[in-house]
């Protein structure tokens, strides 16, 4: 088997994976609009594979019309990815969906029209317009995609920061994978923009295509897992985002911020509400009778931390007590993490190490040794 054979095998595996992921999303995911958009992104992402397989199985020189096979949805990839990310953040309007799909629709209409034309016309058009295809697919496509993906990245980063001011645990709404995905796509399109594969000899081009197929397959597998696991943004967060910092009918609450923050601190310490792993700033605001945006603002101003880190510091302190308490000696590290309010052992270990410089296990061992000496 040569390089081309291996390349084709990886391409078929990628197609099969995208197909099964699409079936799962459509039939088992409750978020229909989001699932359809994510499935559409997977289809658009692997569609160039179909183009490549057609070119390897059919001689373009003998059948020129197949150069225009409308199966490579190149101009759909970045816009559909953006729409998918947006659908996780807020409700999409039909106007926005149509607006972002226009480039892909134009591409499909053009390719379908050329495919239906007489083959002699199709061949002549391709020969006479080499520069046109070079500009469209070598410059315009990656440039447009970079702009759209950069916009997606900016939106996701901004929302991810807002999550930390709202959620005390972010596992269910974690968008960090989207940040990584956006960066990968940006690098991919940047590479396409600065690289002209036509300058490469056939052997080197085949090797690049093989590496591209392997990386795309791994990427496809990775985003499919995260895309399936991703949950929609809770409705109360959407309400929180759309409200002002101070309600119009309660602007006098800014007079004594210090007193309000003390009220928040006292309530947290007395109630130990941080032990609720699903605690949000909306919950806390309801308990202390202060507007949620004001609660978030006060925590930022007086503690210098976002809501997520502020609450997790209380949880870490609670975990320290439990780790050194003989009554909890038989509990596992994971059980202590859950008891303190953390959602998972991995998040607990990471945060605890950052706060104390020790893993929970080392902290417990160190504390046991010190108690034995005393």
Protein backbone atom coordinates (compact mmCIF):
# COMPACT_ATOMS: atom_id res chain seq x y z
CA UNK A 1 0.00 0.00 0.00
CA UNK A 2 1.31 3.46 -0.87
CA UNK A 3 0.67 6.84 0.76
CA UNK A 4 -2.45 7.50 -1.33
CA UNK A 5 -4.04 4.22 -0.17
CA UNK A 6 -3.45 5.10 3.49
CA UNK A 7 -4.85 8.55 2.86
CA UNK A 8 -8.06 7.13 1.37
CA UNK A 9 -8.49 4.76 4.34
CA UNK A 10 -8.28 7.66 6.81
CA UNK A 11 -10.71 9.68 4.69
CA UNK A 12 -13.29 6.88 4.75
CA UNK A 13 -12.89 6.50 8.52
CA UNK A 14 -13.52 10.25 8.93
CA UNK A 15 -16.66 10.06 6.80
CA UNK A 16 -18.02 7.11 8.79
CA UNK A 17 -17.32 8.87 12.08
CA UNK A 18 -19.10 12.04 10.96
CA UNK A 19 -22.10 10.00 9.77
CA UNK A 20 -22.54 8.12 13.06
CA UNK A 21 -22.08 11.35 15.07
CA UNK A 22 -24.76 13.04 12.95
CA UNK A 23 -27.22 10.16 13.52
CA UNK A 24 -26.63 10.33 17.27
CA UNK A 25 -27.07 14.11 17.40
CA UNK A 26 -30.32 14.11 15.43
CA UNK A 27 -31.99 11.26 17.30
CA UNK A 28 -30.63 11.45 20.84
CA UNK A 29 -29.80 15.10 21.49
CA UNK A 30 -32.61 17.26 22.87
CA UNK A 31 -31.17 20.57 21.63
CA UNK A 32 -32.52 20.24 18.09
CA UNK A 33 -31.31 23.54 16.59
CA UNK A 34 -27.89 23.24 18.18
CA UNK A 35 -27.63 19.56 17.24
CA UNK A 36 -28.56 20.28 13.61
CA UNK A 37 -25.96 23.07 13.40
CA UNK A 38 -23.24 20.92 14.96
CA UNK A 39 -24.15 18.04 12.64
CA UNK A 40 -24.07 20.46 9.69
CA UNK A 41 -20.62 21.62 10.75
CA UNK A 42 -19.38 18.02 10.82
CA UNK A 43 -20.80 17.44 7.32
CA UNK A 44 -19.25 20.66 5.99
CA UNK A 45 -15.91 19.83 7.65
CA UNK A 46 -15.68 16.39 6.01
CA UNK A 47 -17.27 17.42 2.69
CA UNK A 48 -13.87 18.16 1.07
CA UNK A 49 -13.12 14.48 1.72
CA UNK A 50 -15.90 13.55 -0.72
CA UNK A 51 -14.41 15.93 -3.26
CA UNK A 52 -11.00 14.33 -2.84
CA UNK A 53 -12.40 10.79 -3.10
CA UNK A 54 -14.25 11.70 -6.30
CA UNK A 55 -11.06 13.11 -7.82
CA UNK A 56 -9.17 9.89 -6.99
CA UNK A 57 -11.86 7.63 -8.45
CA UNK A 58 -12.87 9.66 -11.53
CA UNK A 59 -10.54 11.20 -14.09
CA UNK A 60 -11.24 14.93 -14.11
CA UNK A 61 -9.54 15.22 -17.49
CA UNK A 62 -11.99 12.73 -19.05
CA UNK A 63 -15.02 14.02 -17.12
CA UNK A 64 -14.44 17.77 -16.56
CA UNK A 65 -17.86 18.35 -15.00
CA UNK A 66 -16.80 16.42 -11.87
CA UNK A 67 -14.42 19.26 -11.05
CA UNK A 68 -17.62 21.14 -10.12
CA UNK A 69 -19.25 18.38 -8.06
CA UNK A 70 -21.30 20.33 -5.45
CA UNK A 71 -20.16 18.16 -2.54
CA UNK A 72 -17.36 20.26 -1.05
CA UNK A 73 -19.04 22.79 1.22
CA UNK A 74 -15.91 24.87 1.76
CA UNK A 75 -17.68 28.18 2.36
CA UNK A 76 -20.06 26.61 4.88
CA UNK A 77 -17.46 25.35 7.39
CA UNK A 78 -16.57 28.57 9.27
CA UNK A 79 -20.05 30.19 9.13
CA UNK A 80 -21.83 27.04 10.37
CA UNK A 81 -19.26 26.67 13.13
CA UNK A 82 -19.95 30.27 14.17
CA UNK A 83 -23.71 29.68 14.14
CA UNK A 84 -23.28 26.53 16.24
CA UNK A 85 -21.24 28.43 18.86
CA UNK A 86 -23.80 31.26 18.84
CA UNK A 87 -26.67 28.79 19.32
CA UNK A 88 -25.03 27.68 22.57
CA UNK A 89 -24.86 31.26 23.80
CA UNK A 90 -28.21 32.70 22.76
CA UNK A 91 -31.25 32.17 20.55
CA UNK A 92 -30.45 32.64 16.88
CA UNK A 93 -32.57 34.73 14.55
CA UNK A 94 -33.41 33.48 11.06
CA UNK A 95 -31.91 36.67 9.63
CA UNK A 96 -28.50 35.91 11.20
CA UNK A 97 -28.58 32.30 10.03
CA UNK A 98 -29.37 33.28 6.42
CA UNK A 99 -26.79 36.10 6.45
CA UNK A 100 -23.94 33.79 7.48
CA UNK A 101 -24.95 31.05 5.05
CA UNK A 102 -24.97 33.31 1.97
CA UNK A 103 -21.33 32.56 0.90
CA UNK A 104 -21.95 28.81 1.10
CA UNK A 105 -25.26 29.09 -0.76
CA UNK A 106 -23.58 31.07 -3.56
CA UNK A 107 -20.82 28.46 -3.81
CA UNK A 108 -23.34 25.59 -4.02
CA UNK A 109 -25.44 27.36 -6.66
CA UNK A 110 -22.36 28.13 -8.76
CA UNK A 111 -20.97 24.58 -8.54
CA UNK A 112 -24.36 23.01 -9.29
CA UNK A 113 -24.85 25.28 -12.31
CA UNK A 114 -21.38 24.50 -13.70
CA UNK A 115 -21.85 20.77 -13.06
CA UNK A 116 -25.03 20.81 -15.16
CA UNK A 117 -23.39 22.67 -18.05
CA UNK A 118 -22.00 20.83 -21.13
CA UNK A 119 -18.61 19.30 -20.30
CA UNK A 120 -16.78 21.27 -22.99
CA UNK A 121 -18.02 24.52 -21.47
CA UNK A 122 -17.04 23.36 -17.96
CA UNK A 123 -13.55 22.45 -19.12
CA UNK A 124 -13.02 25.69 -21.02
CA UNK A 125 -14.22 27.79 -18.10
CA UNK A 126 -11.76 26.07 -15.73
CA UNK A 127 -8.85 26.51 -18.14
CA UNK A 128 -9.63 30.19 -18.78
CA UNK A 129 -10.23 31.07 -15.12
CA UNK A 130 -7.37 29.50 -13.20
CA UNK A 131 -6.68 32.80 -11.45
CA UNK A 132 -10.36 33.08 -10.46
CA UNK A 133 -10.29 29.73 -8.61
CA UNK A 134 -6.91 30.55 -7.07
CA UNK A 135 -8.21 33.84 -5.66
CA UNK A 136 -11.54 32.41 -4.47
CA UNK A 137 -10.24 29.24 -2.82
CA UNK A 138 -6.65 30.24 -2.11
CA UNK A 139 -7.22 33.76 -0.75
CA UNK A 140 -10.90 34.64 -0.29
CA UNK A 141 -11.95 31.37 1.42
CA UNK A 142 -9.22 31.29 4.11
CA UNK A 143 -9.45 35.08 4.64
CA UNK A 144 -13.21 35.02 5.14
CA UNK A 145 -12.95 31.94 7.35
CA UNK A 146 -10.27 33.57 9.54
CA UNK A 147 -12.53 36.60 10.09
CA UNK A 148 -15.53 34.42 11.02
CA UNK A 149 -13.53 32.08 13.30
CA UNK A 150 -11.83 35.06 14.98
CA UNK A 151 -15.27 36.52 15.69
CA UNK A 152 -16.35 33.16 17.13
CA UNK A 153 -13.26 33.00 19.33
CA UNK A 154 -13.86 36.52 20.64
CA UNK A 155 -17.50 35.73 21.46
CA UNK A 156 -16.67 32.48 23.25
CA UNK A 157 -13.83 34.03 25.29
CA UNK A 158 -16.10 36.88 26.43
CA UNK A 159 -18.88 34.50 27.40
CA UNK A 160 -16.45 32.19 29.16
CA UNK A 161 -15.35 35.12 31.36
CA UNK A 162 -18.98 35.92 32.15
CA UNK A 163 -19.59 32.30 33.16
CA UNK A 164 -16.96 32.64 35.85
CA UNK A 165 -18.93 35.54 37.29
CA UNK A 166 -22.10 33.47 37.33
CA UNK A 167 -21.35 29.77 37.95
CA UNK A 168 -19.46 28.32 40.89
CA UNK A 169 -18.93 25.14 38.84
CA UNK A 170 -18.57 25.36 35.06
CA UNK A 171 -18.28 21.73 33.95
CA UNK A 172 -21.72 21.58 32.34
CA UNK A 173 -21.27 24.82 30.43
CA UNK A 174 -17.54 24.62 29.83
CA UNK A 175 -16.66 26.29 26.52
CA UNK A 176 -12.88 25.97 26.76
CA UNK A 177 -12.97 23.22 24.13
CA UNK A 178 -14.57 25.71 21.73
CA UNK A 179 -11.70 28.12 22.38
CA UNK A 180 -9.19 25.36 21.51
CA UNK A 181 -11.22 24.37 18.45
CA UNK A 182 -11.36 27.97 17.23
CA UNK A 183 -7.60 28.38 17.62
CA UNK A 184 -7.01 25.13 15.69
CA UNK A 185 -9.28 26.28 12.85
CA UNK A 186 -7.60 29.69 12.79
CA UNK A 187 -4.18 28.06 12.43
CA UNK A 188 -5.53 25.74 9.73
CA UNK A 189 -6.90 28.57 7.62
CA UNK A 190 -3.81 30.70 8.21
CA UNK A 191 -1.68 27.79 6.95
CA UNK A 192 -3.90 27.53 3.85
CA UNK A 193 -3.57 31.26 3.24
CA UNK A 194 0.23 31.31 3.31
CA UNK A 195 0.82 27.94 1.65
CA UNK A 196 0.32 27.14 -2.04
CA UNK A 197 0.32 23.35 -2.43
CA UNK A 198 0.72 23.79 -6.19
CA UNK A 199 4.38 24.63 -5.52
CA UNK A 200 4.97 21.16 -4.03
CA UNK A 201 6.04 18.05 -5.91
CA UNK A 202 3.58 15.14 -6.00
CA UNK A 203 5.31 13.02 -3.33
CA UNK A 204 5.48 15.85 -0.82
CA UNK A 205 1.90 16.81 -1.61
CA UNK A 206 0.73 13.23 -0.93
CA UNK A 207 2.56 13.23 2.41
CA UNK A 208 0.93 16.55 3.38
CA UNK A 209 -2.50 15.21 2.39
CA UNK A 210 -1.90 12.10 4.52
CA UNK A 211 -0.86 14.15 7.56
CA UNK A 212 -3.83 16.44 6.99
CA UNK A 213 -6.17 13.41 6.89
CA UNK A 214 -4.75 12.00 10.14
CA UNK A 215 -4.92 15.36 11.96
CA UNK A 216 -8.46 15.99 10.64
CA UNK A 217 -9.56 12.53 11.80
CA UNK A 218 -8.21 13.13 15.31
CA UNK A 219 -9.72 16.62 15.34
CA UNK A 220 -13.08 15.24 14.19
CA UNK A 221 -13.04 12.60 16.92
CA UNK A 222 -12.15 15.20 19.56
CA UNK A 223 -14.81 17.78 18.64
CA UNK A 224 -17.47 15.07 18.26
CA UNK A 225 -16.96 13.97 21.88
CA UNK A 226 -17.12 17.52 23.23
CA UNK A 227 -19.97 18.51 20.93
CA UNK A 228 -22.10 15.60 22.12
CA UNK A 229 -21.32 16.33 25.77
CA UNK A 230 -21.93 20.08 25.47
CA UNK A 231 -25.05 21.38 27.18
CA UNK A 232 -27.05 24.48 26.34
CA UNK A 233 -26.61 27.61 28.40
CA UNK A 234 -29.11 27.71 31.32
CA UNK A 235 -32.01 30.14 30.91
CA UNK A 236 -31.21 32.02 34.12
CA UNK A 237 -27.75 32.88 32.74
CA UNK A 238 -29.35 34.41 29.64
CA UNK A 239 -31.56 36.51 31.93
CA UNK A 240 -28.51 37.54 33.96
CA UNK A 241 -26.60 38.65 30.85
CA UNK A 242 -29.44 40.84 29.59
CA UNK A 243 -30.03 42.73 32.84
CA UNK A 244 -28.35 45.95 33.91
CA UNK A 245 -25.86 46.11 36.79
CA UNK A 246 -28.38 47.94 38.92
CA UNK A 247 -32.14 47.60 38.42
CA UNK A 248 -33.85 50.85 37.46
CA UNK A 249 -36.14 50.72 40.49
CA UNK A 250 -33.32 50.10 42.96
CA UNK A 251 -30.45 52.47 42.10
CA UNK A 252 -29.95 53.60 45.69
CA UNK A 253 -28.34 50.22 46.50
CA UNK A 254 -24.98 51.64 45.36
CA UNK A 255 -24.74 53.87 48.47
CA UNK A 256 -23.18 51.36 50.83
CA UNK A 257 -21.30 48.74 48.86
CA UNK A 258 -19.10 47.76 51.79
CA UNK A 259 -22.11 46.88 53.92
CA UNK A 260 -23.62 44.83 51.10
CA UNK A 261 -20.39 42.88 50.57
CA UNK A 262 -20.15 42.17 54.30
CA UNK A 263 -23.71 40.88 54.13
CA UNK A 264 -22.71 38.52 51.31
CA UNK A 265 -19.64 37.26 53.17
CA UNK A 266 -21.54 36.70 56.41
CA UNK A 267 -24.26 34.73 54.66
CA UNK A 268 -21.76 32.50 52.83
CA UNK A 269 -19.82 31.75 56.01
CA UNK A 270 -22.91 31.09 58.13
CA UNK A 271 -24.96 29.09 55.62
CA UNK A 272 -22.04 27.32 53.90
CA UNK A 273 -24.01 27.66 50.67
CA UNK A 274 -20.77 26.99 48.78
CA UNK A 275 -21.29 23.29 49.60
CA UNK A 276 -24.06 23.35 46.99
CA UNK A 277 -22.15 22.35 43.86
CA UNK A 278 -24.79 23.98 41.63
CA UNK A 279 -24.63 27.38 43.34
CA UNK A 280 -24.89 30.34 40.97
CA UNK A 281 -24.73 34.08 41.53
CA UNK A 282 -28.51 34.15 40.95
CA UNK A 283 -29.03 31.77 43.90
CA UNK A 284 -26.76 33.79 46.16
CA UNK A 285 -28.42 37.07 45.10
CA UNK A 286 -31.81 35.66 46.01
CA UNK A 287 -30.59 34.62 49.47
CA UNK A 288 -29.05 38.01 50.32
CA UNK A 289 -31.72 40.05 48.50
CA UNK A 290 -29.24 41.93 46.30
CA UNK A 291 -29.39 42.19 42.51
CA UNK A 292 -27.26 39.39 40.91
CA UNK A 293 -25.20 41.80 38.79
CA UNK A 294 -24.54 43.82 41.96
CA UNK A 295 -23.43 40.66 43.83
CA UNK A 296 -21.03 39.83 41.00
CA UNK A 297 -19.76 43.42 40.92
CA UNK A 298 -19.17 43.54 44.69
CA UNK A 299 -17.28 40.23 44.71
CA UNK A 300 -15.06 41.48 41.89
CA UNK A 301 -14.47 44.85 43.57
CA UNK A 302 -13.81 43.71 47.13
CA UNK A 303 -12.18 40.31 46.67
CA UNK A 304 -10.44 40.94 43.34
CA UNK A 305 -11.80 37.59 42.11
CA UNK A 306 -14.60 36.36 39.90
CA UNK A 307 -17.55 34.54 41.48
CA UNK A 308 -16.23 31.11 40.49
CA UNK A 309 -12.84 31.53 42.16
CA UNK A 310 -14.32 33.32 45.17
CA UNK A 311 -16.69 30.44 45.96
CA UNK A 312 -14.08 27.78 45.19
CA UNK A 313 -11.73 29.36 47.76
CA UNK A 314 -14.38 28.74 50.40
CA UNK A 315 -14.67 25.18 49.16
CA UNK A 316 -10.91 24.72 49.33
CA UNK A 317 -10.87 25.94 52.94
CA UNK A 318 -13.70 23.54 53.77
CA UNK A 319 -11.77 20.72 52.13
CA UNK A 320 -8.69 21.53 54.25
CA UNK A 321 -10.74 21.11 57.42
CA UNK A 322 -12.22 17.83 56.22
CA UNK A 323 -8.84 16.44 55.15
CA UNK A 324 -7.46 17.01 58.65
CA UNK A 325 -10.61 16.00 60.54
CA UNK A 326 -10.34 12.52 62.06
CA UNK A 327 -14.11 12.08 61.69
CA UNK A 328 -13.66 12.16 57.90
CA UNK A 329 -10.55 9.99 57.85
CA UNK A 330 -12.27 7.14 55.97
CA UNK A 331 -13.57 9.38 53.17
CA UNK A 332 -11.81 9.28 49.80
CA UNK A 333 -10.37 12.42 48.24
CA UNK A 334 -13.25 12.45 45.76
CA UNK A 335 -15.84 12.16 48.55
CA UNK A 336 -14.22 15.10 50.38
CA UNK A 337 -14.25 17.14 47.15
CA UNK A 338 -17.98 16.51 46.70
CA UNK A 339 -18.67 17.22 50.38
CA UNK A 340 -16.89 20.59 50.07
CA UNK A 341 -18.96 21.55 47.02
CA UNK A 342 -16.70 20.70 44.11
CA UNK A 343 -18.30 19.02 41.13
CA UNK A 344 -15.46 16.63 40.33
CA UNK A 345 -12.20 15.30 41.71
CA UNK A 346 -10.15 16.66 38.79
CA UNK A 347 -11.36 20.25 39.30
CA UNK A 348 -10.81 19.92 43.04
CA UNK A 349 -7.24 18.63 42.64
CA UNK A 350 -6.32 21.39 40.19
CA UNK A 351 -7.78 24.24 42.25
CA UNK A 352 -6.48 22.88 45.57
CA UNK A 353 -2.94 22.57 44.20
CA UNK A 354 -3.05 26.15 42.89
CA UNK A 355 -4.27 27.46 46.26
CA UNK A 356 -2.05 25.48 48.64
CA UNK A 357 0.87 24.27 46.57
CA UNK A 358 0.01 20.69 47.58
CA UNK A 359 -2.22 18.00 46.16
CA UNK A 360 -5.07 17.06 48.57
CA UNK A 361 -3.32 13.75 49.26
CA UNK A 362 0.02 15.43 50.11
CA UNK A 363 -1.76 18.06 52.21
CA UNK A 364 -3.49 15.34 54.23
CA UNK A 365 -0.22 13.41 54.71
CA UNK A 366 1.61 16.58 55.74
CA UNK A 367 -1.14 17.47 58.22
CA UNK A 368 -1.10 13.96 59.72
CA UNK A 369 2.66 14.12 60.24
CA UNK A 370 2.43 17.55 61.93
CA UNK A 371 -0.37 16.33 64.23
CA UNK A 372 1.67 13.26 65.14
CA UNK A 373 4.67 15.42 66.09
CA UNK A 374 2.50 17.65 68.26
